[in-house]
Amino acid sequence: MNDDDIIFDNVSFSDLMKDIYVTTKEKEKKINRLIDQLEPMINNISDATIAVPLIKDYLDISIKNDDHLLKMASVLQRLISNKSKGSSGGDMLLLSEDEKMQLMELAEIEVKKLKEG
């Protein structure tokens, strides 16, 4: 398996990485535009105490989403690497136990969010 093999719905790993890159850059531009739009509205400390937490929350969500995408890409890269080395998967470890636990916790959080919202 190489970077150009299809992983799902006619999307290759290189396509996925490009999408992650483009999305991250677009998000960065949106955040900068948001800050530029809010900056003129902040005239005093009370305005800042309202606007700054909103910006912080938006940035935190963006960072978490990017982190999830990078973890997924890392797992796929390991799979591609193992397959290109000719591993059948039984003799090479794809994920450590700690990584498996992290992924399970993230999955449970996402399922809970979907049920609530």
Foldseek 3Di string as FASTA:
>chain_A
DDQCDDPPDNAGLVNLVVVLVVVLVVLVVVLVVVCVVLVVVDDDDVSCVVPVVVSVVSVVVSVVVSVVSVLVSLLVVLVNVCVVVVHPCPVDDSDDPVSVVVVVVVVVVVVVVVVVD
